[in-house]
């Protein structure tokens, strides 16, 4: 009987030790092989620029009517109090430094305003030549746009998505300049993979908001966690 009790205790100790080794091994695996953070975003996409808050280092506001841009409570705030007017800011990154394949990610949040558009400007050549990926959290719609001073706004791709939240959203574009191709993501879900000859090449990137409610209140869009990344060929194609 004593030997049987000893065997039971021995088995319990052995099971406990094995359980500890399994848990310890899982922790080690998580520490060394877990998903990269936002700042690394995969070995193939090192960060070029992520300083959203250095307004004194070159973030430039390109529109003025009823608009303002400033840092509020650790977020970049774009505001406008005139219906259907835009506020645009550009990152202090030279056009020549934007590589052939790159990604832009940013967190966009609606603070005030019953209806507004928020988005990512890319391939900004001049105030009358740029591309835009935008969402409207109120209508849960998205658009890929081109602005050409000659013809004004042109919609290249649009749709609706249940992935768009009413408050905060993570927006991302993956742009292949040589192929005129853009992939767009909302909250890590791909909403389109699109090719079009009218997508500009060689411009800057930035942020965008437009007030869409027709009242006197100020619409306030906030942005955070901005990353501009470029693709580095490491023997495998870039992954979305």
Protein backbone atom coordinates (compact mmCIF):
# COMPACT_ATOMS: atom_id res chain seq x y z
CA UNK A 1 0.00 0.00 0.00
CA UNK A 2 2.84 2.42 0.91
CA UNK A 3 4.56 1.73 -2.43
CA UNK A 4 1.28 2.41 -4.29
CA UNK A 5 0.89 5.77 -2.51
CA UNK A 6 4.50 6.65 -3.36
CA UNK A 7 3.82 5.87 -7.03
CA UNK A 8 0.76 8.12 -7.01
CA UNK A 9 2.77 11.02 -5.55
CA UNK A 10 5.58 10.39 -8.02
CA UNK A 11 3.15 10.50 -10.95
CA UNK A 12 1.62 13.74 -9.68
CA UNK A 13 5.06 15.34 -9.37
CA UNK A 14 6.00 14.12 -12.84
CA UNK A 15 2.81 15.56 -14.35
CA UNK A 16 3.42 18.90 -12.59
CA UNK A 17 6.98 19.06 -13.94
CA UNK A 18 5.83 18.27 -17.48
CA UNK A 19 3.10 20.92 -17.25
CA UNK A 20 5.67 23.48 -16.12
CA UNK A 21 7.95 22.62 -19.05
CA UNK A 22 5.07 22.99 -21.52
CA UNK A 23 4.09 26.40 -20.12
CA UNK A 24 7.72 27.56 -19.98
CA UNK A 25 8.28 26.45 -23.57
CA UNK A 26 5.18 28.33 -24.72
CA UNK A 27 6.40 31.49 -23.02
CA UNK A 28 9.79 31.19 -24.69
CA UNK A 29 8.16 30.70 -28.08
CA UNK A 30 5.97 33.77 -27.56
CA UNK A 31 8.96 35.86 -26.52
CA UNK A 32 11.06 35.00 -29.56
CA UNK A 33 8.53 34.30 -32.31
CA UNK A 34 5.51 36.44 -31.57
CA UNK A 35 3.94 38.81 -34.12
CA UNK A 36 6.06 41.94 -34.69
CA UNK A 37 4.97 45.19 -33.09
CA UNK A 38 3.48 48.04 -35.11
CA UNK A 39 6.86 49.72 -35.26
CA UNK A 40 8.52 46.78 -37.01
CA UNK A 41 5.57 45.47 -39.07
CA UNK A 42 7.52 42.57 -40.52
CA UNK A 43 11.18 42.29 -41.45
CA UNK A 44 10.44 43.31 -45.04
CA UNK A 45 8.98 46.67 -44.02
CA UNK A 46 11.34 48.74 -41.84
CA UNK A 47 9.97 52.10 -40.72
CA UNK A 48 11.12 55.18 -42.64
CA UNK A 49 9.25 57.73 -40.56
CA UNK A 50 6.88 57.66 -37.59
CA UNK A 51 7.13 61.10 -35.97
CA UNK A 52 3.55 62.32 -36.13
CA UNK A 53 4.01 65.10 -33.62
CA UNK A 54 6.96 67.14 -34.87
CA UNK A 55 5.03 70.06 -36.29
CA UNK A 56 8.21 72.10 -35.95
CA UNK A 57 10.09 69.59 -38.11
CA UNK A 58 8.07 70.02 -41.26
CA UNK A 59 4.50 68.73 -40.97
CA UNK A 60 2.74 71.24 -43.21
CA UNK A 61 -0.91 72.23 -43.41
CA UNK A 62 -1.95 72.72 -47.03
CA UNK A 63 -5.45 74.17 -46.60
CA UNK A 64 -6.57 77.14 -44.53
CA UNK A 65 -10.30 77.93 -44.90
CA UNK A 66 -11.95 77.19 -41.56
CA UNK A 67 -9.27 74.64 -40.72
CA UNK A 68 -6.58 74.08 -38.12
CA UNK A 69 -4.03 71.42 -37.21
CA UNK A 70 -2.42 70.92 -33.81
CA UNK A 71 -1.47 68.38 -31.16
CA UNK A 72 -4.15 67.74 -28.51
CA UNK A 73 -3.73 65.20 -25.69
CA UNK A 74 -1.08 63.24 -27.54
CA UNK A 75 -2.96 63.02 -30.85
CA UNK A 76 -2.68 64.99 -34.08
CA UNK A 77 -5.93 66.95 -34.41
CA UNK A 78 -7.30 68.16 -37.76
CA UNK A 79 -10.34 70.43 -37.41
CA UNK A 80 -12.69 72.33 -39.68
CA UNK A 81 -15.88 74.30 -39.00
CA UNK A 82 -17.06 74.86 -42.58
CA UNK A 83 -19.27 72.34 -44.36
CA UNK A 84 -17.56 70.31 -47.09
CA UNK A 85 -14.17 71.92 -46.45
CA UNK A 86 -10.94 69.95 -46.09
CA UNK A 87 -7.93 70.03 -43.82
CA UNK A 88 -4.76 68.41 -45.15
CA UNK A 89 -1.30 67.96 -43.63
CA UNK A 90 1.81 66.44 -45.20
CA UNK A 91 4.57 64.46 -43.52
CA UNK A 92 8.08 65.97 -43.68
CA UNK A 93 9.38 63.22 -45.95
CA UNK A 94 10.87 64.13 -49.30
CA UNK A 95 9.15 62.74 -52.36
CA UNK A 96 12.42 61.18 -53.52
CA UNK A 97 12.61 59.10 -50.33
CA UNK A 98 9.31 57.33 -51.01
CA UNK A 99 10.32 53.94 -52.46
CA UNK A 100 8.62 51.89 -55.15
CA UNK A 101 6.76 49.70 -52.63
CA UNK A 102 5.67 51.21 -49.32
CA UNK A 103 2.98 51.10 -46.65
CA UNK A 104 1.32 53.79 -44.58
CA UNK A 105 -0.56 52.99 -41.36
CA UNK A 106 -2.38 55.34 -39.02
CA UNK A 107 -5.05 55.26 -36.33
CA UNK A 108 -7.93 57.64 -37.13
CA UNK A 109 -10.54 58.70 -34.57
CA UNK A 110 -13.64 60.87 -34.84
CA UNK A 111 -13.96 63.15 -31.79
CA UNK A 112 -16.65 65.68 -32.73
CA UNK A 113 -18.81 66.04 -35.81
CA UNK A 114 -21.76 63.84 -36.75
CA UNK A 115 -20.31 63.18 -40.19
CA UNK A 116 -16.76 63.54 -41.46
CA UNK A 117 -14.24 61.91 -43.74
CA UNK A 118 -10.78 60.85 -42.56
CA UNK A 119 -7.98 59.34 -44.55
CA UNK A 120 -4.46 58.94 -45.88
CA UNK A 121 -3.05 61.18 -48.60
CA UNK A 122 -0.42 59.55 -50.80
CA UNK A 123 1.49 60.42 -53.95
CA UNK A 124 1.00 64.13 -53.21
CA UNK A 125 2.62 65.97 -56.12
CA UNK A 126 1.05 69.39 -55.49
CA UNK A 127 -2.09 70.91 -53.97
CA UNK A 128 -3.98 69.96 -57.13
CA UNK A 129 -2.45 66.50 -57.70
CA UNK A 130 -2.73 63.73 -55.12
CA UNK A 131 -4.40 60.43 -54.25
CA UNK A 132 -6.56 59.77 -51.19
CA UNK A 133 -7.86 56.73 -49.32
CA UNK A 134 -10.64 57.86 -46.99
CA UNK A 135 -13.48 56.56 -44.84
CA UNK A 136 -16.67 58.04 -43.41
CA UNK A 137 -17.33 56.39 -40.01
CA UNK A 138 -20.96 57.59 -39.99
CA UNK A 139 -21.93 55.96 -43.29
CA UNK A 140 -19.35 53.12 -43.01
CA UNK A 141 -18.13 53.85 -46.53
CA UNK A 142 -14.65 54.11 -48.07
CA UNK A 143 -13.22 55.60 -51.26
CA UNK A 144 -10.02 55.65 -53.27
CA UNK A 145 -9.86 59.08 -54.89
CA UNK A 146 -7.66 61.12 -57.17
CA UNK A 147 -7.61 64.91 -57.18
CA UNK A 148 -6.46 66.53 -60.39
CA UNK A 149 -6.76 70.29 -60.65
CA UNK A 150 -7.92 69.95 -64.24
CA UNK A 151 -10.85 67.62 -63.61
CA UNK A 152 -11.33 67.93 -59.83
CA UNK A 153 -12.17 64.86 -57.75
CA UNK A 154 -12.47 61.46 -59.41
CA UNK A 155 -13.52 58.28 -57.58
CA UNK A 156 -11.44 55.26 -58.58
CA UNK A 157 -12.89 52.77 -56.09
CA UNK A 158 -15.61 52.96 -53.45
CA UNK A 159 -17.78 50.76 -51.29
CA UNK A 160 -19.14 50.08 -47.82
CA UNK A 161 -17.67 47.92 -45.09
CA UNK A 162 -18.92 46.55 -41.78
CA UNK A 163 -15.29 46.69 -40.59
CA UNK A 164 -15.50 50.48 -40.24
CA UNK A 165 -16.15 51.47 -36.62
CA UNK A 166 -18.07 54.60 -35.63
CA UNK A 167 -15.19 55.84 -33.47
CA UNK A 168 -11.58 54.74 -33.97
CA UNK A 169 -10.23 52.92 -37.03
CA UNK A 170 -6.83 51.73 -38.21
CA UNK A 171 -6.24 52.65 -41.85
CA UNK A 172 -3.51 51.23 -44.06
CA UNK A 173 -2.44 51.34 -47.68
CA UNK A 174 0.14 49.18 -49.44
CA UNK A 175 1.25 50.86 -52.68
CA UNK A 176 3.15 49.28 -55.58
CA UNK A 177 4.15 52.32 -57.65
CA UNK A 178 5.57 50.41 -60.63
CA UNK A 179 2.32 48.46 -61.03
CA UNK A 180 -0.10 51.35 -60.31
CA UNK A 181 -1.52 49.09 -57.62
CA UNK A 182 -2.97 49.90 -54.20
CA UNK A 183 -4.16 47.56 -51.44
CA UNK A 184 -6.24 49.11 -48.69
CA UNK A 185 -6.99 47.81 -45.19
CA UNK A 186 -9.41 48.92 -42.49
CA UNK A 187 -8.80 47.49 -39.01
CA UNK A 188 -6.51 44.83 -40.56
CA UNK A 189 -9.15 43.67 -43.08
CA UNK A 190 -8.40 44.13 -46.77
CA UNK A 191 -11.18 46.09 -48.47
CA UNK A 192 -9.71 46.24 -51.98
CA UNK A 193 -6.76 45.40 -54.22
CA UNK A 194 -6.90 47.83 -57.12
CA UNK A 195 -4.87 48.81 -60.19
CA UNK A 196 -5.43 52.01 -62.14
CA UNK A 197 -3.30 54.08 -64.50
CA UNK A 198 -4.45 57.36 -62.89
CA UNK A 199 -2.72 56.70 -59.57
CA UNK A 200 0.11 59.22 -59.24
CA UNK A 201 3.76 58.32 -58.65
CA UNK A 202 6.52 59.95 -56.65
CA UNK A 203 4.65 62.17 -54.20
CA UNK A 204 4.54 62.71 -50.44
CA UNK A 205 2.16 61.19 -47.90
CA UNK A 206 -0.08 62.88 -45.36
CA UNK A 207 -3.41 63.01 -43.50
CA UNK A 208 -6.84 64.26 -44.52
CA UNK A 209 -10.18 65.22 -43.00
CA UNK A 210 -13.34 66.85 -44.39
CA UNK A 211 -16.35 68.14 -42.48
CA UNK A 212 -19.55 66.60 -43.90
CA UNK A 213 -22.27 67.76 -41.49
CA UNK A 214 -23.97 71.02 -42.48
CA UNK A 215 -23.96 72.90 -39.18
CA UNK A 216 -21.79 75.41 -37.35
CA UNK A 217 -20.07 72.89 -35.06
CA UNK A 218 -16.38 72.15 -35.50
CA UNK A 219 -15.51 68.68 -36.75
CA UNK A 220 -12.43 67.25 -35.04
CA UNK A 221 -10.53 64.24 -36.41
CA UNK A 222 -7.63 62.78 -34.42
CA UNK A 223 -4.71 60.69 -35.68
CA UNK A 224 -2.12 58.59 -33.88
CA UNK A 225 0.33 55.69 -34.45
CA UNK A 226 1.49 56.91 -37.86
CA UNK A 227 4.00 54.73 -39.73
CA UNK A 228 5.54 55.08 -43.17
CA UNK A 229 7.39 51.89 -44.13
CA UNK A 230 9.28 50.80 -47.23
CA UNK A 231 9.73 47.35 -48.71
CA UNK A 232 13.17 45.73 -48.57
CA UNK A 233 13.67 42.69 -50.82
CA UNK A 234 14.68 39.78 -48.60
CA UNK A 235 14.01 36.99 -51.08
CA UNK A 236 10.25 36.85 -50.67
CA UNK A 237 7.41 39.00 -52.07
CA UNK A 238 5.78 41.59 -49.81
CA UNK A 239 2.82 40.27 -47.86
CA UNK A 240 -0.32 42.30 -47.17
